[in-house]
Full PDB file with SEQRES, HELIX, SHEET, SSBOND, CRYST1, ORIGX, SCALE, CONECT and MASTER records, all heavy atoms in Angstrom:
SEQRES   1 A   36  GLY LEU THR LEU VAL PHE LEU ILE VAL VAL VAL THR LEU          
SEQRES   2 A   36  GLN PRO PHE ALA ARG LEU SER GLY GLY GLY LEU PRO LEU          
SEQRES   3 A   36  ILE PHE LEU ALA ALA LEU LEU VAL THR LEU                      
HELIX    1 AA1 LEU A    2  LEU A   19  1                                  18    
HELIX    2 AA2 LEU A   26  THR A   35  1                                  10    
CRYST1    1.000    1.000    1.000  90.00  90.00  90.00 P 1           1          
ORIGX1      1.000000  0.000000  0.000000        0.00000                         
ORIGX2      0.000000  1.000000  0.000000        0.00000                         
ORIGX3      0.000000  0.000000  1.000000        0.00000                         
SCALE1      1.000000  0.000000  0.000000        0.00000                         
SCALE2      0.000000  1.000000  0.000000        0.00000                         
SCALE3      0.000000  0.000000  1.000000        0.00000                         
ATOM      1  N   GLY A   1      90.196  97.612  81.326  1.00  0.00           N  
ATOM      2  CA  GLY A   1      90.290  96.501  82.271  1.00  0.00           C  
ATOM      3  C   GLY A   1      91.575  96.544  83.070  1.00  0.00           C  
ATOM      4  O   GLY A   1      91.572  96.365  84.303  1.00  0.00           O  
ATOM      5  N   LEU A   2      92.711  96.778  82.386  1.00  0.00           N  
ATOM      6  CA  LEU A   2      93.990  96.874  83.091  1.00  0.00           C  
ATOM      7  C   LEU A   2      93.999  98.049  84.059  1.00  0.00           C  
ATOM      8  O   LEU A   2      94.533  97.948  85.183  1.00  0.00           O  
ATOM      9  CB  LEU A   2      95.127  97.026  82.073  1.00  0.00           C  
ATOM     10  CG  LEU A   2      95.437  95.804  81.203  1.00  0.00           C  
ATOM     11  CD1 LEU A   2      96.495  96.155  80.156  1.00  0.00           C  
ATOM     12  CD2 LEU A   2      95.917  94.641  82.066  1.00  0.00           C  
ATOM     13  N   THR A   3      93.408  99.162  83.637  1.00  0.00           N  
ATOM     14  CA  THR A   3      93.360 100.341  84.510  1.00  0.00           C  
ATOM     15  C   THR A   3      92.559 100.050  85.773  1.00  0.00           C  
ATOM     16  O   THR A   3      92.970 100.434  86.885  1.00  0.00           O  
ATOM     17  CB  THR A   3      92.731 101.525  83.749  1.00  0.00           C  
ATOM     18  OG1 THR A   3      93.522 101.807  82.580  1.00  0.00           O  
ATOM     19  CG2 THR A   3      92.688 102.766  84.632  1.00  0.00           C  
ATOM     20  N   LEU A   4      91.430  99.369  85.646  1.00  0.00           N  
ATOM     21  CA  LEU A   4      90.613  99.027  86.819  1.00  0.00           C  
ATOM     22  C   LEU A   4      91.366  98.082  87.755  1.00  0.00           C  
ATOM     23  O   LEU A   4      91.301  98.235  88.986  1.00  0.00           O  
ATOM     24  CB  LEU A   4      89.298  98.387  86.368  1.00  0.00           C  
ATOM     25  CG  LEU A   4      88.287  99.323  85.700  1.00  0.00           C  
ATOM     26  CD1 LEU A   4      87.090  98.532  85.190  1.00  0.00           C  
ATOM     27  CD2 LEU A   4      87.835 100.406  86.682  1.00  0.00           C  
ATOM     28  N   VAL A   5      92.068  97.119  87.163  1.00  0.00           N  
ATOM     29  CA  VAL A   5      92.837  96.180  87.990  1.00  0.00           C  
ATOM     30  C   VAL A   5      93.886  96.920  88.805  1.00  0.00           C  
ATOM     31  O   VAL A   5      94.024  96.721  90.028  1.00  0.00           O  
ATOM     32  CB  VAL A   5      93.491  95.105  87.101  1.00  0.00           C  
ATOM     33  CG1 VAL A   5      94.506  94.297  87.913  1.00  0.00           C  
ATOM     34  CG2 VAL A   5      92.434  94.182  86.522  1.00  0.00           C  
ATOM     35  N   PHE A   6      94.656  97.797  88.152  1.00  0.00           N  
ATOM     36  CA  PHE A   6      95.708  98.520  88.858  1.00  0.00           C  
ATOM     37  C   PHE A   6      95.125  99.546  89.831  1.00  0.00           C  
ATOM     38  O   PHE A   6      95.744  99.840  90.870  1.00  0.00           O  
ATOM     39  CB  PHE A   6      96.650  99.195  87.856  1.00  0.00           C  
ATOM     40  CG  PHE A   6      97.550  98.233  87.145  1.00  0.00           C  
ATOM     41  CD1 PHE A   6      97.571  98.164  85.758  1.00  0.00           C  
ATOM     42  CD2 PHE A   6      98.378  97.384  87.855  1.00  0.00           C  
ATOM     43  CE1 PHE A   6      98.396  97.272  85.094  1.00  0.00           C  
ATOM     44  CE2 PHE A   6      99.217  96.487  87.202  1.00  0.00           C  
ATOM     45  CZ  PHE A   6      99.218  96.428  85.817  1.00  0.00           C  
ATOM     46  N   LEU A   7      93.958 100.092  89.513  1.00  0.00           N  
ATOM     47  CA  LEU A   7      93.307 101.009  90.443  1.00  0.00           C  
ATOM     48  C   LEU A   7      92.946 100.289  91.734  1.00  0.00           C  
ATOM     49  O   LEU A   7      93.170 100.813  92.843  1.00  0.00           O  
ATOM     50  CB  LEU A   7      92.050 101.599  89.797  1.00  0.00           C  
ATOM     51  CG  LEU A   7      91.238 102.582  90.656  1.00  0.00           C  
ATOM     52  CD1 LEU A   7      92.089 103.798  91.027  1.00  0.00           C  
ATOM     53  CD2 LEU A   7      89.984 103.022  89.912  1.00  0.00           C  
ATOM     54  N   ILE A   8      92.418  99.080  91.607  1.00  0.00           N  
ATOM     55  CA  ILE A   8      92.082  98.283  92.797  1.00  0.00           C  
ATOM     56  C   ILE A   8      93.348  97.954  93.582  1.00  0.00           C  
ATOM     57  O   ILE A   8      93.372  98.027  94.823  1.00  0.00           O  
ATOM     58  CB  ILE A   8      91.344  96.998  92.378  1.00  0.00           C  
ATOM     59  CG1 ILE A   8      89.980  97.352  91.776  1.00  0.00           C  
ATOM     60  CG2 ILE A   8      91.162  96.062  93.566  1.00  0.00           C  
ATOM     61  CD1 ILE A   8      89.257  96.177  91.162  1.00  0.00           C  
ATOM     62  N   VAL A   9      94.420  97.600  92.866  1.00  0.00           N  
ATOM     63  CA  VAL A   9      95.687  97.277  93.531  1.00  0.00           C  
ATOM     64  C   VAL A   9      96.198  98.472  94.321  1.00  0.00           C  
ATOM     65  O   VAL A   9      96.589  98.356  95.498  1.00  0.00           O  
ATOM     66  CB  VAL A   9      96.730  96.830  92.492  1.00  0.00           C  
ATOM     67  CG1 VAL A   9      98.120  96.740  93.132  1.00  0.00           C  
ATOM     68  CG2 VAL A   9      96.344  95.491  91.893  1.00  0.00           C  
ATOM     69  N   VAL A  10      96.196  99.647  93.691  1.00  0.00           N  
ATOM     70  CA  VAL A  10      96.730 100.847  94.352  1.00  0.00           C  
ATOM     71  C   VAL A  10      95.878 101.236  95.556  1.00  0.00           C  
ATOM     72  O   VAL A  10      96.402 101.617  96.614  1.00  0.00           O  
ATOM     73  CB  VAL A  10      96.829 102.005  93.338  1.00  0.00           C  
ATOM     74  CG1 VAL A  10      97.150 103.319  94.047  1.00  0.00           C  
ATOM     75  CG2 VAL A  10      97.889 101.704  92.290  1.00  0.00           C  
ATOM     76  N   VAL A  11      94.558 101.133  95.398  1.00  0.00           N  
ATOM     77  CA  VAL A  11      93.667 101.497  96.508  1.00  0.00           C  
ATOM     78  C   VAL A  11      93.889 100.588  97.718  1.00  0.00           C  
ATOM     79  O   VAL A  11      93.818 101.034  98.872  1.00  0.00           O  
ATOM     80  CB  VAL A  11      92.195 101.443  96.042  1.00  0.00           C  
ATOM     81  CG1 VAL A  11      91.244 101.538  97.238  1.00  0.00           C  
ATOM     82  CG2 VAL A  11      91.913 102.572  95.066  1.00  0.00           C  
ATOM     83  N   THR A  12      94.179  99.321  97.466  1.00  0.00           N  
ATOM     84  CA  THR A  12      94.355  98.383  98.589  1.00  0.00           C  
ATOM     85  C   THR A  12      95.738  98.466  99.227  1.00  0.00           C  
ATOM     86  O   THR A  12      95.959  97.885 100.297  1.00  0.00           O  
ATOM     87  CB  THR A  12      94.119  96.946  98.114  1.00  0.00           C  
ATOM     88  OG1 THR A  12      95.011  96.647  97.030  1.00  0.00           O  
ATOM     89  CG2 THR A  12      92.677  96.764  97.653  1.00  0.00           C  
ATOM     90  N   LEU A  13      96.686  99.165  98.595  1.00  0.00           N  
ATOM     91  CA  LEU A  13      98.034  99.238  99.164  1.00  0.00           C  
ATOM     92  C   LEU A  13      98.070 100.021 100.475  1.00  0.00           C  
ATOM     93  O   LEU A  13      98.810  99.672 101.412  1.00  0.00           O  
ATOM     94  CB  LEU A  13      98.989  99.877  98.146  1.00  0.00           C  
ATOM     95  CG  LEU A  13      99.397  99.017  96.950  1.00  0.00           C  
ATOM     96  CD1 LEU A  13     100.316  99.799  96.027  1.00  0.00           C  
ATOM     97  CD2 LEU A  13     100.077  97.728  97.409  1.00  0.00           C  
ATOM     98  N   GLN A  14      97.267 101.084 100.567  1.00  0.00           N  
ATOM     99  CA  GLN A  14      97.295 101.901 101.781  1.00  0.00           C  
ATOM    100  C   GLN A  14      96.848 101.127 103.017  1.00  0.00           C  
ATOM    101  O   GLN A  14      97.525 101.183 104.062  1.00  0.00           O  
ATOM    102  CB  GLN A  14      96.424 103.149 101.579  1.00  0.00           C  
ATOM    103  CG  GLN A  14      96.519 104.188 102.697  1.00  0.00           C  
ATOM    104  CD  GLN A  14      97.857 104.874 102.752  1.00  0.00           C  
ATOM    105  OE1 GLN A  14      98.842 104.287 103.239  1.00  0.00           O  
ATOM    106  NE2 GLN A  14      97.932 106.105 102.247  1.00  0.00           N  
ATOM    107  N   PRO A  15      95.742 100.377 102.939  1.00  0.00           N  
ATOM    108  CA  PRO A  15      95.374  99.576 104.117  1.00  0.00           C  
ATOM    109  C   PRO A  15      96.459  98.581 104.524  1.00  0.00           C  
ATOM    110  O   PRO A  15      96.709  98.385 105.720  1.00  0.00           O  
ATOM    111  CB  PRO A  15      94.099  98.860 103.663  1.00  0.00           C  
ATOM    112  CG  PRO A  15      93.523  99.749 102.618  1.00  0.00           C  
ATOM    113  CD  PRO A  15      94.700 100.331 101.918  1.00  0.00           C  
ATOM    114  N   PHE A  16      97.096  97.945 103.542  1.00  0.00           N  
ATOM    115  CA  PHE A  16      98.162  97.002 103.880  1.00  0.00           C  
ATOM    116  C   PHE A  16      99.328  97.720 104.557  1.00  0.00           C  
ATOM    117  O   PHE A  16      99.948  97.203 105.495  1.00  0.00           O  
ATOM    118  CB  PHE A  16      98.649  96.281 102.616  1.00  0.00           C  
ATOM    119  CG  PHE A  16      97.778  95.143 102.194  1.00  0.00           C  
ATOM    120  CD1 PHE A  16      97.006  95.220 101.053  1.00  0.00           C  
ATOM    121  CD2 PHE A  16      97.725  93.970 102.954  1.00  0.00           C  
ATOM    122  CE1 PHE A  16      96.194  94.175 100.664  1.00  0.00           C  
ATOM    123  CE2 PHE A  16      96.921  92.912 102.568  1.00  0.00           C  
ATOM    124  CZ  PHE A  16      96.145  93.009 101.429  1.00  0.00           C  
ATOM    125  N   ALA A  17      99.633  98.914 104.053  1.00  0.00           N  
ATOM    126  CA  ALA A  17     100.716  99.684 104.669  1.00  0.00           C  
ATOM    127  C   ALA A  17     100.362 100.070 106.099  1.00  0.00           C  
ATOM    128  O   ALA A  17     101.213 100.020 107.004  1.00  0.00           O  
ATOM    129  CB  ALA A  17     100.994 100.933 103.830  1.00  0.00           C  
ATOM    130  N   ARG A  18      99.097 100.428 106.347  1.00  0.00           N  
ATOM    131  CA  ARG A  18      98.659 100.785 107.694  1.00  0.00           C  
ATOM    132  C   ARG A  18      98.765  99.590 108.630  1.00  0.00           C  
ATOM    133  O   ARG A  18      99.187  99.708 109.787  1.00  0.00           O  
ATOM    134  CB  ARG A  18      97.208 101.284 107.660  1.00  0.00           C  
ATOM    135  CG  ARG A  18      96.998 102.563 106.861  1.00  0.00           C  
ATOM    136  CD  ARG A  18      97.631 103.762 107.506  1.00  0.00           C  
ATOM    137  NE  ARG A  18      97.284 104.998 106.794  1.00  0.00           N  
ATOM    138  CZ  ARG A  18      97.862 106.174 107.030  1.00  0.00           C  
ATOM    139  NH1 ARG A  18      98.828 106.269 107.940  1.00  0.00           N  
ATOM    140  NH2 ARG A  18      97.501 107.245 106.338  1.00  0.00           N  
ATOM    141  N   LEU A  19      98.366  98.426 108.127  1.00  0.00           N  
ATOM    142  CA  LEU A  19      98.442  97.221 108.950  1.00  0.00           C  
ATOM    143  C   LEU A  19      99.880  96.865 109.294  1.00  0.00           C  
ATOM    144  O   LEU A  19     100.142  96.218 110.313  1.00  0.00           O  
ATOM    145  CB  LEU A  19      97.782  96.051 108.215  1.00  0.00           C  
ATOM    146  CG  LEU A  19      96.251  96.102 108.088  1.00  0.00           C  
ATOM    147  CD1 LEU A  19      95.756  94.966 107.217  1.00  0.00           C  
ATOM    148  CD2 LEU A  19      95.597  96.038 109.474  1.00  0.00           C  
ATOM    149  N   SER A  20     100.804  97.301 108.427  1.00  0.00           N  
ATOM    150  CA  SER A  20     102.220  97.009 108.671  1.00  0.00           C  
ATOM    151  C   SER A  20     102.891  98.087 109.508  1.00  0.00           C  
ATOM    152  O   SER A  20     104.113  98.057 109.702  1.00  0.00           O  
ATOM    153  CB  SER A  20     102.960  96.862 107.338  1.00  0.00           C  
ATOM    154  OG  SER A  20     102.379  95.841 106.561  1.00  0.00           O  
ATOM    155  N   GLY A  21     102.101  99.049 109.960  1.00  0.00           N  
ATOM    156  CA  GLY A  21     102.636 100.090 110.820  1.00  0.00           C  
ATOM    157  C   GLY A  21     103.231 101.259 110.083  1.00  0.00           C  
ATOM    158  O   GLY A  21     103.957 102.062 110.678  1.00  0.00           O  
ATOM    159  N   GLY A  22     102.935 101.392 108.826  1.00  0.00           N  
ATOM    160  CA  GLY A  22     103.456 102.512 108.061  1.00  0.00           C  
ATOM    161  C   GLY A  22     102.350 103.220 107.307  1.00  0.00           C  
ATOM    162  O   GLY A  22     101.167 103.061 107.597  1.00  0.00           O  
ATOM    163  N   GLY A  23     102.746 104.018 106.342  1.00  0.00           N  
ATOM    164  CA  GLY A  23     101.782 104.751 105.531  1.00  0.00           C  
ATOM    165  C   GLY A  23     102.417 105.170 104.222  1.00  0.00           C  
ATOM    166  O   GLY A  23     103.649 105.270 104.122  1.00  0.00           O  
ATOM    167  N   LEU A  24     101.583 105.393 103.220  1.00  0.00           N  
ATOM    168  CA  LEU A  24     102.069 105.779 101.899  1.00  0.00           C  
ATOM    169  C   LEU A  24     101.484 107.122 101.516  1.00  0.00           C  
ATOM    170  O   LEU A  24     100.264 107.330 101.633  1.00  0.00           O  
ATOM    171  CB  LEU A  24     101.668 104.729 100.857  1.00  0.00           C  
ATOM    172  CG  LEU A  24     102.187 103.302 101.081  1.00  0.00           C  
ATOM    173  CD1 LEU A  24     101.588 102.363 100.053  1.00  0.00           C  
ATOM    174  CD2 LEU A  24     103.705 103.264 101.022  1.00  0.00           C  
ATOM    175  N   PRO A  25     102.311 108.065 101.081  1.00  0.00           N  
ATOM    176  CA  PRO A  25     101.788 109.369 100.639  1.00  0.00           C  
ATOM    177  C   PRO A  25     100.820 109.203  99.469  1.00  0.00           C  
ATOM    178  O   PRO A  25     101.067 108.419  98.551  1.00  0.00           O  
ATOM    179  CB  PRO A  25     103.048 110.130 100.219  1.00  0.00           C  
ATOM    180  CG  PRO A  25     104.178 109.425 100.898  1.00  0.00           C  
ATOM    181  CD  PRO A  25     103.783 107.998 100.982  1.00  0.00           C  
ATOM    182  N   LEU A  26      99.745 109.958  99.497  1.00  0.00           N  
ATOM    183  CA  LEU A  26      98.746 109.853  98.433  1.00  0.00           C  
ATOM    184  C   LEU A  26      99.323 110.260  97.081  1.00  0.00           C  
ATOM    185  O   LEU A  26      98.944 109.720  96.047  1.00  0.00           O  
ATOM    186  CB  LEU A  26      97.536 110.720  98.775  1.00  0.00           C  
ATOM    187  CG  LEU A  26      96.683 110.258  99.965  1.00  0.00           C  
ATOM    188  CD1 LEU A  26      95.515 111.212 100.193  1.00  0.00           C  
ATOM    189  CD2 LEU A  26      96.175 108.844  99.741  1.00  0.00           C  
ATOM    190  N   ILE A  27     100.234 111.222  97.101  1.00  0.00           N  
ATOM    191  CA  ILE A  27     100.854 111.640  95.839  1.00  0.00           C  
ATOM    192  C   ILE A  27     101.636 110.493  95.218  1.00  0.00           C  
ATOM    193  O   ILE A  27     101.584 110.259  94.005  1.00  0.00           O  
ATOM    194  CB  ILE A  27     101.764 112.868  96.062  1.00  0.00           C  
ATOM    195  CG1 ILE A  27     100.920 114.106  96.338  1.00  0.00           C  
ATOM    196  CG2 ILE A  27     102.657 113.107  94.845  1.00  0.00           C  
ATOM    197  CD1 ILE A  27     101.720 115.366  96.530  1.00  0.00           C  
ATOM    198  N   PHE A  28     102.340 109.727  96.050  1.00  0.00           N  
ATOM    199  CA  PHE A  28     103.094 108.585  95.536  1.00  0.00           C  
ATOM    200  C   PHE A  28     102.153 107.505  95.006  1.00  0.00           C  
ATOM    201  O   PHE A  28     102.443 106.846  94.005  1.00  0.00           O  
ATOM    202  CB  PHE A  28     103.990 108.012  96.627  1.00  0.00           C  
ATOM    203  CG  PHE A  28     105.238 108.825  96.876  1.00  0.00           C  
ATOM    204  CD1 PHE A  28     105.474 109.996  96.165  1.00  0.00           C  
ATOM    205  CD2 PHE A  28     106.177 108.426  97.815  1.00  0.00           C  
ATOM    206  CE1 PHE A  28     106.613 110.750  96.393  1.00  0.00           C  
ATOM    207  CE2 PHE A  28     107.316 109.166  98.048  1.00  0.00           C  
ATOM    208  CZ  PHE A  28     107.540 110.334  97.330  1.00  0.00           C  
ATOM    209  N   LEU A  29     101.026 107.316  95.668  1.00  0.00           N  
ATOM    210  CA  LEU A  29     100.059 106.329  95.191  1.00  0.00           C  
ATOM    211  C   LEU A  29      99.477 106.741  93.838  1.00  0.00           C  
ATOM    212  O   LEU A  29      99.280 105.904  92.952  1.00  0.00           O  
ATOM    213  CB  LEU A  29      98.938 106.150  96.214  1.00  0.00           C  
ATOM    214  CG  LEU A  29      99.316 105.397  97.495  1.00  0.00           C  
ATOM    215  CD1 LEU A  29      98.144 105.377  98.467  1.00  0.00           C  
ATOM    216  CD2 LEU A  29      99.767 103.971  97.186  1.00  0.00           C  
ATOM    217  N   ALA A  30      99.197 108.039  93.670  1.00  0.00           N  
ATOM    218  CA  ALA A  30      98.704 108.526  92.382  1.00  0.00           C  
ATOM    219  C   ALA A  30      99.761 108.334  91.298  1.00  0.00           C  
ATOM    220  O   ALA A  30      99.455 107.937  90.163  1.00  0.00           O  
ATOM    221  CB  ALA A  30      98.314 109.995  92.484  1.00  0.00           C  
ATOM    222  N   ALA A  31     101.021 108.608  91.647  1.00  0.00           N  
ATOM    223  CA  ALA A  31     102.108 108.411  90.694  1.00  0.00           C  
ATOM    224  C   ALA A  31     102.251 106.937  90.336  1.00  0.00           C  
ATOM    225  O   ALA A  31     102.474 106.580  89.166  1.00  0.00           O  
ATOM    226  CB  ALA A  31     103.413 108.939  91.278  1.00  0.00           C  
ATOM    227  N   LEU A  32     102.108 106.066  91.340  1.00  0.00           N  
ATOM    228  CA  LEU A  32     102.196 104.633  91.086  1.00  0.00           C  
ATOM    229  C   LEU A  32     101.103 104.182  90.119  1.00  0.00           C  
ATOM    230  O   LEU A  32     101.360 103.409  89.185  1.00  0.00           O  
ATOM    231  CB  LEU A  32     102.077 103.862  92.402  1.00  0.00           C  
ATOM    232  CG  LEU A  32     102.031 102.331  92.280  1.00  0.00           C  
ATOM    233  CD1 LEU A  32     103.326 101.803  91.691  1.00  0.00           C  
ATOM    234  CD2 LEU A  32     101.751 101.680  93.636  1.00  0.00           C  
ATOM    235  N   LEU A  33      99.875 104.666  90.315  1.00  0.00           N  
ATOM    236  CA  LEU A  33      98.771 104.286  89.441  1.00  0.00           C  
ATOM    237  C   LEU A  33      99.064 104.679  87.995  1.00  0.00           C  
ATOM    238  O   LEU A  33      98.859 103.884  87.066  1.00  0.00           O  
ATOM    239  CB  LEU A  33      97.474 104.951  89.912  1.00  0.00           C  
ATOM    240  CG  LEU A  33      96.256 104.757  89.009  1.00  0.00           C  
ATOM    241  CD1 LEU A  33      95.890 103.282  88.925  1.00  0.00           C  
ATOM    242  CD2 LEU A  33      95.077 105.583  89.496  1.00  0.00           C  
ATOM    243  N   VAL A  34      99.549 105.895  87.790  1.00  0.00           N  
ATOM    244  CA  VAL A  34      99.806 106.373  86.423  1.00  0.00           C  
ATOM    245  C   VAL A  34     100.914 105.567  85.754  1.00  0.00           C  
ATOM    246  O   VAL A  34     100.846 105.274  84.554  1.00  0.00           O  
ATOM    247  CB  VAL A  34     100.153 107.874  86.433  1.00  0.00           C  
ATOM    248  CG1 VAL A  34     100.631 108.334  85.067  1.00  0.00           C  
ATOM    249  CG2 VAL A  34      98.949 108.688  86.867  1.00  0.00           C  
ATOM    250  N   THR A  35     101.924 105.183  86.517  1.00  0.00           N  
ATOM    251  CA  THR A  35     103.020 104.423  85.911  1.00  0.00           C  
ATOM    252  C   THR A  35     102.651 102.963  85.671  1.00  0.00           C  
ATOM    253  O   THR A  35     103.234 102.312  84.800  1.00  0.00           O  
ATOM    254  CB  THR A  35     104.272 104.483  86.794  1.00  0.00           C  
ATOM    255  OG1 THR A  35     103.935 104.053  88.125  1.00  0.00           O  
ATOM    256  CG2 THR A  35     104.832 105.892  86.849  1.00  0.00           C  
ATOM    257  N   LEU A  36     101.683 102.444  86.433  1.00  0.00           N  
ATOM    258  CA  LEU A  36     101.287 101.051  86.255  1.00  0.00           C  
ATOM    259  C   LEU A  36     100.339 100.866  85.069  1.00  0.00           C  
ATOM    260  O   LEU A  36     100.421  99.873  84.350  1.00  0.00           O  
ATOM    261  CB  LEU A  36     100.618 100.519  87.528  1.00  0.00           C  
ATOM    262  CG  LEU A  36     101.516 100.330  88.760  1.00  0.00           C  
ATOM    263  CD1 LEU A  36     100.707  99.773  89.908  1.00  0.00           C  
ATOM    264  CD2 LEU A  36     102.681  99.412  88.446  1.00  0.00           C  
TER     265      LEU A  36                                                      
MASTER        0    0    0    2    0    0    0    6  264    1    0    3          
END                                                                             
């Protein structure tokens, strides 16, 4: 359950970053998921 929650959080971070005019490397997002 915790893994699914954090997976959803990480997946939604990229769209928010795009809306803010930036972007997040996919490698960093994968690293974030594993640490969360």
